[in-house]
């Protein structure tokens, strides 16, 4: 945990507003284009029914050579705070842990990869989950922007310029659910809401529960954190004192930014190296925990195609891999 303390010492709070109840920790690295879209999707002007929700957004810039500016972050509102971490580490997990420990809120939303644009009901439904459940672990489904999963789309020339055109045509800033119309695939093989999630690009839990989990495992030193996000998701699901909740109809949409794993073609994907690191740390191969969640939310018309796909995938997955935890 020494690295976490060192990184924590580098943080100097740079607040633009009052202390909140809900703290959103979102991590960025050399993706200013994507960061501005993601931060907008966390603003009050975009998140529906958020006017009465007290929250802060901590925009964590993890050692970027071309960082987002403090001024750009704070333009999104008094809830937004910026912190730059001067580091040579390619893994952000220690910095994210430090930001979570330092967060003003007693409830956390955590986003390891700030390239994900949120749908506009996530803050509302997450707040509802905290009101409805004593110790919730709240997960959202993940999608890729573009015609297919980006590991495949990149082979067909998909890049930021093509994605910019899609986003502009969708007019997502006025209705974030239109992002479903410019996405061709779930981000992984989990099958989405009704399938068997094994990670989430945007998850929430009480700060005390995050700390009792030990946060992210800081021995994950690979670029982007390797399998650290899968690891914490797995550890949360096996904790039966945490109430597993999935938000229906909501999701996060990954933007193309040349990510080390999300945008790597299949032949160059770092899974093998990531998994070897996981085995060194955990002493066993990675496995997916299958647990039946509680559901909150509803499906907007724009998401009905993916709702059908998720039900189909879920029917197959739950038959093949029965629940370990009900």
C-alpha atoms as a PDB file:
ATOM      1  CA  UNK A   1       0.000   0.000   0.000  1.00  0.00           C
ATOM      2  CA  UNK A   2       3.057   2.314   0.018  1.00  0.00           C
ATOM      3  CA  UNK A   3       2.389   3.441  -3.550  1.00  0.00           C
ATOM      4  CA  UNK A   4      -1.155   4.446  -2.604  1.00  0.00           C
ATOM      5  CA  UNK A   5       0.146   6.625   0.235  1.00  0.00           C
ATOM      6  CA  UNK A   6       2.738   8.267  -2.000  1.00  0.00           C
ATOM      7  CA  UNK A   7       0.179   9.034  -4.682  1.00  0.00           C
ATOM      8  CA  UNK A   8      -2.263  10.255  -2.051  1.00  0.00           C
ATOM      9  CA  UNK A   9       0.334  12.714  -0.779  1.00  0.00           C
ATOM     10  CA  UNK A  10       0.546  14.212  -4.275  1.00  0.00           C
ATOM     11  CA  UNK A  11      -3.116  15.181  -4.212  1.00  0.00           C
ATOM     12  CA  UNK A  12      -4.006  18.732  -3.326  1.00  0.00           C
ATOM     13  CA  UNK A  13      -7.743  19.311  -3.266  1.00  0.00           C
ATOM     14  CA  UNK A  14      -8.783  21.935  -5.795  1.00  0.00           C
ATOM     15  CA  UNK A  15     -12.456  22.514  -5.054  1.00  0.00           C
ATOM     16  CA  UNK A  16     -14.896  24.596  -7.052  1.00  0.00           C
ATOM     17  CA  UNK A  17     -17.987  23.997  -4.880  1.00  0.00           C
ATOM     18  CA  UNK A  18     -19.487  22.632  -1.675  1.00  0.00           C
ATOM     19  CA  UNK A  19     -19.060  19.187  -0.109  1.00  0.00           C
ATOM     20  CA  UNK A  20     -21.393  16.562  -1.629  1.00  0.00           C
ATOM     21  CA  UNK A  21     -22.928  13.271  -0.600  1.00  0.00           C
ATOM     22  CA  UNK A  22     -22.116  11.306  -3.767  1.00  0.00           C
ATOM     23  CA  UNK A  23     -18.560  11.370  -5.142  1.00  0.00           C
ATOM     24  CA  UNK A  24     -17.889  10.368  -8.745  1.00  0.00           C
ATOM     25  CA  UNK A  25     -14.268   9.359  -9.369  1.00  0.00           C
ATOM     26  CA  UNK A  26     -13.420   9.284 -13.081  1.00  0.00           C
ATOM     27  CA  UNK A  27      -9.934   8.548 -14.378  1.00  0.00           C
ATOM     28  CA  UNK A  28      -8.363   9.951 -17.565  1.00  0.00           C
ATOM     29  CA  UNK A  29      -5.099   9.431 -19.383  1.00  0.00           C
ATOM     30  CA  UNK A  30      -4.236  11.327 -22.584  1.00  0.00           C
ATOM     31  CA  UNK A  31      -7.817  11.433 -23.816  1.00  0.00           C
ATOM     32  CA  UNK A  32      -8.936  15.047 -23.700  1.00  0.00           C
ATOM     33  CA  UNK A  33     -11.429  14.573 -26.544  1.00  0.00           C
ATOM     34  CA  UNK A  34     -13.132  11.709 -24.739  1.00  0.00           C
ATOM     35  CA  UNK A  35     -12.871  13.361 -21.323  1.00  0.00           C
ATOM     36  CA  UNK A  36     -14.903  16.384 -22.373  1.00  0.00           C
ATOM     37  CA  UNK A  37     -17.729  14.148 -23.610  1.00  0.00           C
ATOM     38  CA  UNK A  38     -17.641  12.007 -20.479  1.00  0.00           C
ATOM     39  CA  UNK A  39     -17.632  14.996 -18.152  1.00  0.00           C
ATOM     40  CA  UNK A  40     -20.566  16.541 -19.997  1.00  0.00           C
ATOM     41  CA  UNK A  41     -22.479  13.293 -19.464  1.00  0.00           C
ATOM     42  CA  UNK A  42     -21.947  13.777 -15.705  1.00  0.00           C
ATOM     43  CA  UNK A  43     -23.218  17.357 -15.676  1.00  0.00           C
ATOM     44  CA  UNK A  44     -26.540  18.502 -14.265  1.00  0.00           C
ATOM     45  CA  UNK A  45     -27.597  19.800 -17.673  1.00  0.00           C
ATOM     46  CA  UNK A  46     -27.398  16.242 -19.013  1.00  0.00           C
ATOM     47  CA  UNK A  47     -28.195  13.904 -16.106  1.00  0.00           C
ATOM     48  CA  UNK A  48     -31.972  13.826 -15.717  1.00  0.00           C
ATOM     49  CA  UNK A  49     -33.628  14.610 -12.383  1.00  0.00           C
ATOM     50  CA  UNK A  50     -30.251  15.441 -10.866  1.00  0.00           C
ATOM     51  CA  UNK A  51     -31.023  18.965  -9.676  1.00  0.00           C
ATOM     52  CA  UNK A  52     -31.590  17.841  -6.079  1.00  0.00           C
ATOM     53  CA  UNK A  53     -28.816  15.242  -5.965  1.00  0.00           C
ATOM     54  CA  UNK A  54     -25.768  16.536  -4.054  1.00  0.00           C
ATOM     55  CA  UNK A  55     -22.678  15.213  -5.798  1.00  0.00           C
ATOM     56  CA  UNK A  56     -19.127  15.993  -6.813  1.00  0.00           C
ATOM     57  CA  UNK A  57     -17.078  14.791  -9.772  1.00  0.00           C
ATOM     58  CA  UNK A  58     -13.363  14.297  -9.248  1.00  0.00           C
ATOM     59  CA  UNK A  59     -11.682  14.330 -12.672  1.00  0.00           C
ATOM     60  CA  UNK A  60      -8.465  12.434 -12.073  1.00  0.00           C
ATOM     61  CA  UNK A  61      -5.783  12.993 -14.704  1.00  0.00           C
ATOM     62  CA  UNK A  62      -3.263  10.206 -14.257  1.00  0.00           C
ATOM     63  CA  UNK A  63       0.067  11.476 -15.541  1.00  0.00           C
ATOM     64  CA  UNK A  64      -1.095  12.585 -18.991  1.00  0.00           C
ATOM     65  CA  UNK A  65       1.453  14.208 -21.285  1.00  0.00           C
ATOM     66  CA  UNK A  66      -1.478  16.157 -22.754  1.00  0.00           C
ATOM     67  CA  UNK A  67      -3.711  16.647 -19.719  1.00  0.00           C
ATOM     68  CA  UNK A  68      -7.203  18.024 -19.487  1.00  0.00           C
ATOM     69  CA  UNK A  69      -7.081  21.532 -18.055  1.00  0.00           C
ATOM     70  CA  UNK A  70      -8.533  22.500 -14.706  1.00  0.00           C
ATOM     71  CA  UNK A  71     -10.420  25.332 -16.397  1.00  0.00           C
ATOM     72  CA  UNK A  72     -12.098  22.948 -18.866  1.00  0.00           C
ATOM     73  CA  UNK A  73     -13.163  20.638 -16.048  1.00  0.00           C
ATOM     74  CA  UNK A  74     -14.631  23.346 -13.818  1.00  0.00           C
ATOM     75  CA  UNK A  75     -16.651  24.806 -16.711  1.00  0.00           C
ATOM     76  CA  UNK A  76     -19.041  21.871 -16.317  1.00  0.00           C
ATOM     77  CA  UNK A  77     -20.223  23.213 -12.977  1.00  0.00           C
ATOM     78  CA  UNK A  78     -19.314  23.801  -9.341  1.00  0.00           C
ATOM     79  CA  UNK A  79     -19.574  20.045  -8.701  1.00  0.00           C
ATOM     80  CA  UNK A  80     -16.475  19.388 -10.822  1.00  0.00           C
ATOM     81  CA  UNK A  81     -12.972  19.246  -9.374  1.00  0.00           C
ATOM     82  CA  UNK A  82      -9.687  18.538 -11.111  1.00  0.00           C
ATOM     83  CA  UNK A  83      -6.568  16.819  -9.896  1.00  0.00           C
ATOM     84  CA  UNK A  84      -3.463  15.910 -11.803  1.00  0.00           C
ATOM     85  CA  UNK A  85      -1.247  13.068 -10.595  1.00  0.00           C
ATOM     86  CA  UNK A  86       2.423  13.401 -11.435  1.00  0.00           C
ATOM     87  CA  UNK A  87       3.502   9.789 -11.875  1.00  0.00           C
ATOM     88  CA  UNK A  88       5.446   7.344 -14.025  1.00  0.00           C
ATOM     89  CA  UNK A  89       3.074   4.491 -13.169  1.00  0.00           C
ATOM     90  CA  UNK A  90       1.065   3.130 -16.104  1.00  0.00           C
ATOM     91  CA  UNK A  91      -1.538   1.675 -13.752  1.00  0.00           C
ATOM     92  CA  UNK A  92      -4.049   4.135 -12.272  1.00  0.00           C
ATOM     93  CA  UNK A  93      -5.369   1.920  -9.483  1.00  0.00           C
ATOM     94  CA  UNK A  94      -3.321   3.420  -6.627  1.00  0.00           C
ATOM     95  CA  UNK A  95      -4.326   6.934  -7.682  1.00  0.00           C
ATOM     96  CA  UNK A  96      -7.998   5.948  -7.916  1.00  0.00           C
ATOM     97  CA  UNK A  97      -7.833   4.374  -4.456  1.00  0.00           C
ATOM     98  CA  UNK A  98      -6.347   7.564  -3.055  1.00  0.00           C
ATOM     99  CA  UNK A  99      -9.049   9.689  -4.706  1.00  0.00           C
ATOM    100  CA  UNK A 100     -11.761   7.421  -3.287  1.00  0.00           C
ATOM    101  CA  UNK A 101     -10.287   7.646   0.200  1.00  0.00           C
ATOM    102  CA  UNK A 102     -10.137  11.435  -0.089  1.00  0.00           C
ATOM    103  CA  UNK A 103     -13.625  11.820  -1.571  1.00  0.00           C
ATOM    104  CA  UNK A 104     -16.021  14.032   0.378  1.00  0.00           C
ATOM    105  CA  UNK A 105     -19.045  11.807  -0.205  1.00  0.00           C
ATOM    106  CA  UNK A 106     -19.947   8.677   1.743  1.00  0.00           C
ATOM    107  CA  UNK A 107     -21.138   7.102  -1.515  1.00  0.00           C
ATOM    108  CA  UNK A 108     -18.939   6.497  -4.542  1.00  0.00           C
ATOM    109  CA  UNK A 109     -19.315   6.074  -8.279  1.00  0.00           C
ATOM    110  CA  UNK A 110     -16.068   4.784  -9.766  1.00  0.00           C
ATOM    111  CA  UNK A 111     -14.998   4.885 -13.417  1.00  0.00           C
ATOM    112  CA  UNK A 112     -11.572   3.391 -14.162  1.00  0.00           C
ATOM    113  CA  UNK A 113     -11.728   4.421 -17.830  1.00  0.00           C
ATOM    114  CA  UNK A 114     -12.897   7.974 -18.432  1.00  0.00           C
ATOM    115  CA  UNK A 115     -13.559   7.258 -22.112  1.00  0.00           C
ATOM    116  CA  UNK A 116     -17.080   6.049 -21.236  1.00  0.00           C
ATOM    117  CA  UNK A 117     -20.055   8.365 -21.911  1.00  0.00           C
ATOM    118  CA  UNK A 118     -22.922   7.746 -19.464  1.00  0.00           C
ATOM    119  CA  UNK A 119     -26.624   7.541 -20.214  1.00  0.00           C
ATOM    120  CA  UNK A 120     -28.677  10.290 -18.520  1.00  0.00           C
ATOM    121  CA  UNK A 121     -30.409   8.263 -15.804  1.00  0.00           C
ATOM    122  CA  UNK A 122     -27.402   6.863 -13.979  1.00  0.00           C
ATOM    123  CA  UNK A 123     -27.164   9.442 -11.193  1.00  0.00           C
ATOM    124  CA  UNK A 124     -30.910   9.266 -10.521  1.00  0.00           C
ATOM    125  CA  UNK A 125     -31.074   5.467 -10.410  1.00  0.00           C
ATOM    126  CA  UNK A 126     -27.858   5.123  -8.436  1.00  0.00           C
ATOM    127  CA  UNK A 127     -29.289   7.501  -5.836  1.00  0.00           C
ATOM    128  CA  UNK A 128     -32.445   5.388  -5.820  1.00  0.00           C
ATOM    129  CA  UNK A 129     -30.376   2.241  -5.254  1.00  0.00           C
ATOM    130  CA  UNK A 130     -28.655   3.808  -2.247  1.00  0.00           C
ATOM    131  CA  UNK A 131     -32.071   4.709  -0.827  1.00  0.00           C
ATOM    132  CA  UNK A 132     -33.548   1.275  -1.484  1.00  0.00           C
ATOM    133  CA  UNK A 133     -30.639  -0.933  -0.393  1.00  0.00           C
ATOM    134  CA  UNK A 134     -28.515  -0.738   2.737  1.00  0.00           C
ATOM    135  CA  UNK A 135     -25.249  -1.934   1.160  1.00  0.00           C
ATOM    136  CA  UNK A 136     -25.657  -1.846  -2.626  1.00  0.00           C
ATOM    137  CA  UNK A 137     -23.033  -2.700  -5.220  1.00  0.00           C
ATOM    138  CA  UNK A 138     -24.480  -1.022  -8.314  1.00  0.00           C
ATOM    139  CA  UNK A 139     -23.355  -1.980 -11.817  1.00  0.00           C
ATOM    140  CA  UNK A 140     -24.029  -0.639 -15.299  1.00  0.00           C
ATOM    141  CA  UNK A 141     -23.714  -2.448 -18.624  1.00  0.00           C
ATOM    142  CA  UNK A 142     -21.019  -1.422 -21.092  1.00  0.00           C
ATOM    143  CA  UNK A 143     -21.271  -0.770 -24.842  1.00  0.00           C
ATOM    144  CA  UNK A 144     -18.914   0.197 -27.645  1.00  0.00           C
ATOM    145  CA  UNK A 145     -19.643   3.112 -29.947  1.00  0.00           C
ATOM    146  CA  UNK A 146     -19.398   2.268 -33.621  1.00  0.00           C
ATOM    147  CA  UNK A 147     -20.642  -0.537 -35.868  1.00  0.00           C
ATOM    148  CA  UNK A 148     -19.151  -3.379 -33.826  1.00  0.00           C
ATOM    149  CA  UNK A 149     -16.974  -4.103 -30.832  1.00  0.00           C
ATOM    150  CA  UNK A 150     -14.089  -1.720 -31.323  1.00  0.00           C
ATOM    151  CA  UNK A 151     -11.466  -4.484 -31.404  1.00  0.00           C
ATOM    152  CA  UNK A 152     -13.186  -5.527 -34.654  1.00  0.00           C
ATOM    153  CA  UNK A 153     -14.238  -2.099 -35.922  1.00  0.00           C
ATOM    154  CA  UNK A 154     -10.636  -0.862 -35.862  1.00  0.00           C
ATOM    155  CA  UNK A 155      -9.756  -3.471 -38.497  1.00  0.00           C
ATOM    156  CA  UNK A 156     -12.319  -1.843 -40.805  1.00  0.00           C
ATOM    157  CA  UNK A 157     -10.942   1.662 -40.390  1.00  0.00           C
ATOM    158  CA  UNK A 158     -13.036   2.844 -37.457  1.00  0.00           C
ATOM    159  CA  UNK A 159     -11.322   5.724 -35.670  1.00  0.00           C
ATOM    160  CA  UNK A 160     -12.024   8.957 -33.812  1.00  0.00           C
ATOM    161  CA  UNK A 161     -13.031  10.879 -36.950  1.00  0.00           C
ATOM    162  CA  UNK A 162     -15.720   8.325 -37.819  1.00  0.00           C
ATOM    163  CA  UNK A 163     -16.907   8.315 -34.221  1.00  0.00           C
ATOM    164  CA  UNK A 164     -17.114  12.113 -34.135  1.00  0.00           C
ATOM    165  CA  UNK A 165     -19.475  11.997 -37.098  1.00  0.00           C
ATOM    166  CA  UNK A 166     -21.634   9.356 -35.418  1.00  0.00           C
ATOM    167  CA  UNK A 167     -21.853  11.330 -32.202  1.00  0.00           C
ATOM    168  CA  UNK A 168     -22.728  14.540 -34.004  1.00  0.00           C
ATOM    169  CA  UNK A 169     -25.439  12.846 -36.056  1.00  0.00           C
ATOM    170  CA  UNK A 170     -26.943  11.231 -32.970  1.00  0.00           C
ATOM    171  CA  UNK A 171     -27.447  14.536 -31.113  1.00  0.00           C
ATOM    172  CA  UNK A 172     -26.728  12.569 -27.927  1.00  0.00           C
ATOM    173  CA  UNK A 173     -26.189  15.708 -25.850  1.00  0.00           C
ATOM    174  CA  UNK A 174     -29.916  16.467 -26.009  1.00  0.00           C
ATOM    175  CA  UNK A 175     -30.940  12.840 -25.441  1.00  0.00           C
ATOM    176  CA  UNK A 176     -28.236  10.490 -24.225  1.00  0.00           C
ATOM    177  CA  UNK A 177     -30.307   7.402 -24.947  1.00  0.00           C
ATOM    178  CA  UNK A 178     -29.665   8.036 -28.634  1.00  0.00           C
ATOM    179  CA  UNK A 179     -26.223   6.560 -27.992  1.00  0.00           C
ATOM    180  CA  UNK A 180     -27.878   3.151 -28.347  1.00  0.00           C
ATOM    181  CA  UNK A 181     -28.503   4.010 -31.985  1.00  0.00           C
ATOM    182  CA  UNK A 182     -24.796   4.514 -32.715  1.00  0.00           C
ATOM    183  CA  UNK A 183     -23.586   1.411 -30.896  1.00  0.00           C
ATOM    184  CA  UNK A 184     -23.302  -1.969 -32.536  1.00  0.00           C
ATOM    185  CA  UNK A 185     -22.343  -4.201 -29.634  1.00  0.00           C
ATOM    186  CA  UNK A 186     -22.017  -4.838 -25.939  1.00  0.00           C
ATOM    187  CA  UNK A 187     -18.438  -4.143 -24.862  1.00  0.00           C
ATOM    188  CA  UNK A 188     -17.781  -7.773 -23.893  1.00  0.00           C
ATOM    189  CA  UNK A 189     -19.284 -11.267 -23.822  1.00  0.00           C
ATOM    190  CA  UNK A 190     -21.324 -10.723 -20.664  1.00  0.00           C
ATOM    191  CA  UNK A 191     -24.637 -10.265 -22.467  1.00  0.00           C
ATOM    192  CA  UNK A 192     -25.478  -6.991 -20.792  1.00  0.00           C
ATOM    193  CA  UNK A 193     -28.184  -6.383 -18.180  1.00  0.00           C
ATOM    194  CA  UNK A 194     -29.781  -9.844 -18.212  1.00  0.00           C
ATOM    195  CA  UNK A 195     -26.528 -11.665 -18.830  1.00  0.00           C
ATOM    196  CA  UNK A 196     -23.644 -12.229 -16.435  1.00  0.00           C
ATOM    197  CA  UNK A 197     -21.594  -9.077 -15.983  1.00  0.00           C
ATOM    198  CA  UNK A 198     -17.966  -9.560 -15.033  1.00  0.00           C
ATOM    199  CA  UNK A 199     -17.013  -5.902 -14.878  1.00  0.00           C
ATOM    200  CA  UNK A 200     -18.581  -2.472 -15.143  1.00  0.00           C
ATOM    201  CA  UNK A 201     -17.255   0.775 -16.568  1.00  0.00           C
ATOM    202  CA  UNK A 202     -19.239   2.656 -13.929  1.00  0.00           C
ATOM    203  CA  UNK A 203     -20.054   1.043 -10.585  1.00  0.00           C
ATOM    204  CA  UNK A 204     -21.210   2.430  -7.246  1.00  0.00           C
ATOM    205  CA  UNK A 205     -21.064   1.478  -3.590  1.00  0.00           C
ATOM    206  CA  UNK A 206     -20.750   3.077  -0.206  1.00  0.00           C
ATOM    207  CA  UNK A 207     -17.331   4.466   0.574  1.00  0.00           C
ATOM    208  CA  UNK A 208     -17.116   2.293   3.686  1.00  0.00           C
ATOM    209  CA  UNK A 209     -17.773  -0.800   1.589  1.00  0.00           C
ATOM    210  CA  UNK A 210     -15.162   0.214  -0.991  1.00  0.00           C
ATOM    211  CA  UNK A 211     -12.623   0.599   1.804  1.00  0.00           C
ATOM    212  CA  UNK A 212     -13.600  -2.697   3.438  1.00  0.00           C
ATOM    213  CA  UNK A 213     -13.014  -4.403   0.086  1.00  0.00           C
ATOM    214  CA  UNK A 214      -9.524  -2.921   0.121  1.00  0.00           C
ATOM    215  CA  UNK A 215     -10.285  -0.866  -2.971  1.00  0.00           C
ATOM    216  CA  UNK A 216      -8.491  -1.834  -6.155  1.00  0.00           C
ATOM    217  CA  UNK A 217      -5.623  -4.270  -5.733  1.00  0.00           C
ATOM    218  CA  UNK A 218      -2.542  -2.092  -6.142  1.00  0.00           C
ATOM    219  CA  UNK A 219      -0.345  -4.982  -7.224  1.00  0.00           C
ATOM    220  CA  UNK A 220      -1.961  -4.683 -10.660  1.00  0.00           C
ATOM    221  CA  UNK A 221       0.796  -2.679 -12.334  1.00  0.00           C
ATOM    222  CA  UNK A 222      -0.070  -3.288 -16.014  1.00  0.00           C
ATOM    223  CA  UNK A 223      -1.056  -0.437 -18.296  1.00  0.00           C
ATOM    224  CA  UNK A 224      -4.575   0.718 -17.542  1.00  0.00           C
ATOM    225  CA  UNK A 225      -4.659  -1.492 -14.459  1.00  0.00           C
ATOM    226  CA  UNK A 226      -4.758  -4.826 -16.291  1.00  0.00           C
ATOM    227  CA  UNK A 227      -7.539  -6.949 -14.798  1.00  0.00           C
ATOM    228  CA  UNK A 228      -7.937  -4.780 -11.690  1.00  0.00           C
ATOM    229  CA  UNK A 229     -11.473  -3.754 -12.660  1.00  0.00           C
ATOM    230  CA  UNK A 230     -12.525  -7.383 -13.180  1.00  0.00           C
ATOM    231  CA  UNK A 231     -10.845  -8.305  -9.917  1.00  0.00           C
ATOM    232  CA  UNK A 232     -12.716  -5.782  -7.777  1.00  0.00           C
ATOM    233  CA  UNK A 233     -16.007  -6.698  -9.469  1.00  0.00           C
ATOM    234  CA  UNK A 234     -15.375 -10.355  -8.657  1.00  0.00           C
ATOM    235  CA  UNK A 235     -14.511  -9.575  -5.043  1.00  0.00           C
ATOM    236  CA  UNK A 236     -17.651  -7.468  -4.656  1.00  0.00           C
ATOM    237  CA  UNK A 237     -19.933 -10.197  -6.023  1.00  0.00           C
ATOM    238  CA  UNK A 238     -18.652 -12.851  -3.631  1.00  0.00           C
ATOM    239  CA  UNK A 239     -19.381 -10.536  -0.701  1.00  0.00           C
ATOM    240  CA  UNK A 240     -22.908 -11.625   0.183  1.00  0.00           C
ATOM    241  CA  UNK A 241     -23.252  -8.695   2.569  1.00  0.00           C
ATOM    242  CA  UNK A 242     -23.168  -6.439  -0.508  1.00  0.00           C
ATOM    243  CA  UNK A 243     -26.449  -6.273  -2.434  1.00  0.00           C
ATOM    244  CA  UNK A 244     -25.804  -6.654  -6.151  1.00  0.00           C
ATOM    245  CA  UNK A 245     -27.903  -4.239  -8.235  1.00  0.00           C
ATOM    246  CA  UNK A 246     -27.960  -3.731 -12.019  1.00  0.00           C
ATOM    247  CA  UNK A 247     -29.411  -0.572 -13.576  1.00  0.00           C
ATOM    248  CA  UNK A 248     -31.777  -1.482 -16.423  1.00  0.00           C
ATOM    249  CA  UNK A 249     -31.837   0.691 -19.523  1.00  0.00           C
ATOM    250  CA  UNK A 250     -28.690   2.548 -18.501  1.00  0.00           C
ATOM    251  CA  UNK A 251     -25.151   2.038 -19.701  1.00  0.00           C
ATOM    252  CA  UNK A 252     -21.791   3.527 -20.563  1.00  0.00           C
ATOM    253  CA  UNK A 253     -20.509   3.877 -24.123  1.00  0.00           C
ATOM    254  CA  UNK A 254     -16.813   3.502 -24.782  1.00  0.00           C
ATOM    255  CA  UNK A 255     -15.252   6.051 -27.102  1.00  0.00           C
ATOM    256  CA  UNK A 256     -12.407   5.126 -29.416  1.00  0.00           C
ATOM    257  CA  UNK A 257      -9.104   6.472 -28.095  1.00  0.00           C
ATOM    258  CA  UNK A 258      -6.493   3.841 -28.936  1.00  0.00           C
ATOM    259  CA  UNK A 259      -6.937   2.096 -25.605  1.00  0.00           C
ATOM    260  CA  UNK A 260      -4.449  -0.598 -24.658  1.00  0.00           C
ATOM    261  CA  UNK A 261      -7.132  -3.320 -24.548  1.00  0.00           C
ATOM    262  CA  UNK A 262     -10.468  -1.908 -25.700  1.00  0.00           C
ATOM    263  CA  UNK A 263      -9.119  -0.698 -29.039  1.00  0.00           C
ATOM    264  CA  UNK A 264      -6.505  -3.376 -29.677  1.00  0.00           C
ATOM    265  CA  UNK A 265      -7.184  -5.802 -32.552  1.00  0.00           C
ATOM    266  CA  UNK A 266      -7.684  -9.375 -31.398  1.00  0.00           C
ATOM    267  CA  UNK A 267      -4.194 -10.505 -32.464  1.00  0.00           C
ATOM    268  CA  UNK A 268      -2.589  -7.767 -30.345  1.00  0.00           C
ATOM    269  CA  UNK A 269      -4.911  -7.921 -27.336  1.00  0.00           C
ATOM    270  CA  UNK A 270      -2.995  -7.937 -24.011  1.00  0.00           C
ATOM    271  CA  UNK A 271      -5.311 -10.461 -22.300  1.00  0.00           C
ATOM    272  CA  UNK A 272      -2.568 -13.113 -21.997  1.00  0.00           C
ATOM    273  CA  UNK A 273      -0.177 -10.748 -20.226  1.00  0.00           C
ATOM    274  CA  UNK A 274      -2.991  -9.317 -18.092  1.00  0.00           C
ATOM    275  CA  UNK A 275      -4.102 -12.802 -17.066  1.00  0.00           C
ATOM    276  CA  UNK A 276      -0.556 -13.860 -16.213  1.00  0.00           C
ATOM    277  CA  UNK A 277      -0.330 -10.886 -13.873  1.00  0.00           C
ATOM    278  CA  UNK A 278      -3.682 -11.855 -12.343  1.00  0.00           C
ATOM    279  CA  UNK A 279      -2.452 -15.405 -11.700  1.00  0.00           C
ATOM    280  CA  UNK A 280       0.732 -14.107 -10.082  1.00  0.00           C
ATOM    281  CA  UNK A 281      -1.326 -11.932  -7.743  1.00  0.00           C
ATOM    282  CA  UNK A 282      -4.234 -14.258  -6.944  1.00  0.00           C
ATOM    283  CA  UNK A 283      -2.517 -17.622  -7.308  1.00  0.00           C
ATOM    284  CA  UNK A 284      -5.257 -19.019  -9.553  1.00  0.00           C
ATOM    285  CA  UNK A 285      -6.784 -18.380 -12.986  1.00  0.00           C
ATOM    286  CA  UNK A 286      -9.465 -15.715 -13.304  1.00  0.00           C
ATOM    287  CA  UNK A 287     -13.062 -16.963 -13.227  1.00  0.00           C
ATOM    288  CA  UNK A 288     -16.377 -15.209 -13.612  1.00  0.00           C
ATOM    289  CA  UNK A 289     -18.645 -15.085 -10.561  1.00  0.00           C
ATOM    290  CA  UNK A 290     -22.273 -15.685 -11.544  1.00  0.00           C
ATOM    291  CA  UNK A 291     -24.686 -13.974  -9.209  1.00  0.00           C
ATOM    292  CA  UNK A 292     -28.330 -13.033  -9.674  1.00  0.00           C
ATOM    293  CA  UNK A 293     -28.784  -9.262  -9.288  1.00  0.00           C
ATOM    294  CA  UNK A 294     -31.679  -7.091  -8.224  1.00  0.00           C
ATOM    295  CA  UNK A 295     -32.844  -4.726 -10.960  1.00  0.00           C
ATOM    296  CA  UNK A 296     -33.725  -1.039 -10.884  1.00  0.00           C
ATOM    297  CA  UNK A 297     -34.861   1.042 -13.845  1.00  0.00           C
ATOM    298  CA  UNK A 298     -36.712   0.773 -17.100  1.00  0.00           C
ATOM    299  CA  UNK A 299     -35.849   0.615 -20.764  1.00  0.00           C
ATOM    300  CA  UNK A 300     -36.188   3.723 -22.935  1.00  0.00           C
ATOM    301  CA  UNK A 301     -37.455   3.064 -26.474  1.00  0.00           C
ATOM    302  CA  UNK A 302     -33.947   3.634 -27.847  1.00  0.00           C
ATOM    303  CA  UNK A 303     -32.595   0.647 -25.871  1.00  0.00           C
ATOM    304  CA  UNK A 304     -35.222  -1.942 -26.797  1.00  0.00           C
ATOM    305  CA  UNK A 305     -33.037  -3.608 -29.447  1.00  0.00           C
ATOM    306  CA  UNK A 306     -30.310  -4.217 -26.878  1.00  0.00           C
ATOM    307  CA  UNK A 307     -32.903  -5.295 -24.323  1.00  0.00           C
ATOM    308  CA  UNK A 308     -33.950  -8.123 -26.667  1.00  0.00           C
ATOM    309  CA  UNK A 309     -30.328  -9.074 -27.343  1.00  0.00           C
ATOM    310  CA  UNK A 310     -29.593  -9.137 -23.612  1.00  0.00           C
ATOM    311  CA  UNK A 311     -32.559 -11.386 -22.858  1.00  0.00           C
ATOM    312  CA  UNK A 312     -31.465 -13.796 -25.590  1.00  0.00           C
ATOM    313  CA  UNK A 313     -27.858 -13.847 -24.379  1.00  0.00           C
ATOM    314  CA  UNK A 314     -28.931 -14.176 -20.755  1.00  0.00           C
ATOM    315  CA  UNK A 315     -31.131 -17.178 -21.474  1.00  0.00           C
ATOM    316  CA  UNK A 316     -28.108 -18.961 -22.933  1.00  0.00           C
ATOM    317  CA  UNK A 317     -25.598 -17.886 -20.303  1.00  0.00           C
ATOM    318  CA  UNK A 318     -27.685 -18.695 -17.215  1.00  0.00           C
ATOM    319  CA  UNK A 319     -28.451 -22.139 -18.603  1.00  0.00           C
ATOM    320  CA  UNK A 320     -24.786 -22.803 -19.332  1.00  0.00           C
ATOM    321  CA  UNK A 321     -23.397 -21.175 -16.167  1.00  0.00           C
ATOM    322  CA  UNK A 322     -25.864 -21.464 -13.267  1.00  0.00           C
ATOM    323  CA  UNK A 323     -25.748 -18.898 -10.479  1.00  0.00           C
ATOM    324  CA  UNK A 324     -23.104 -19.384  -7.810  1.00  0.00           C
ATOM    325  CA  UNK A 325     -24.877 -16.851  -5.606  1.00  0.00           C
ATOM    326  CA  UNK A 326     -28.615 -16.174  -5.688  1.00  0.00           C
END
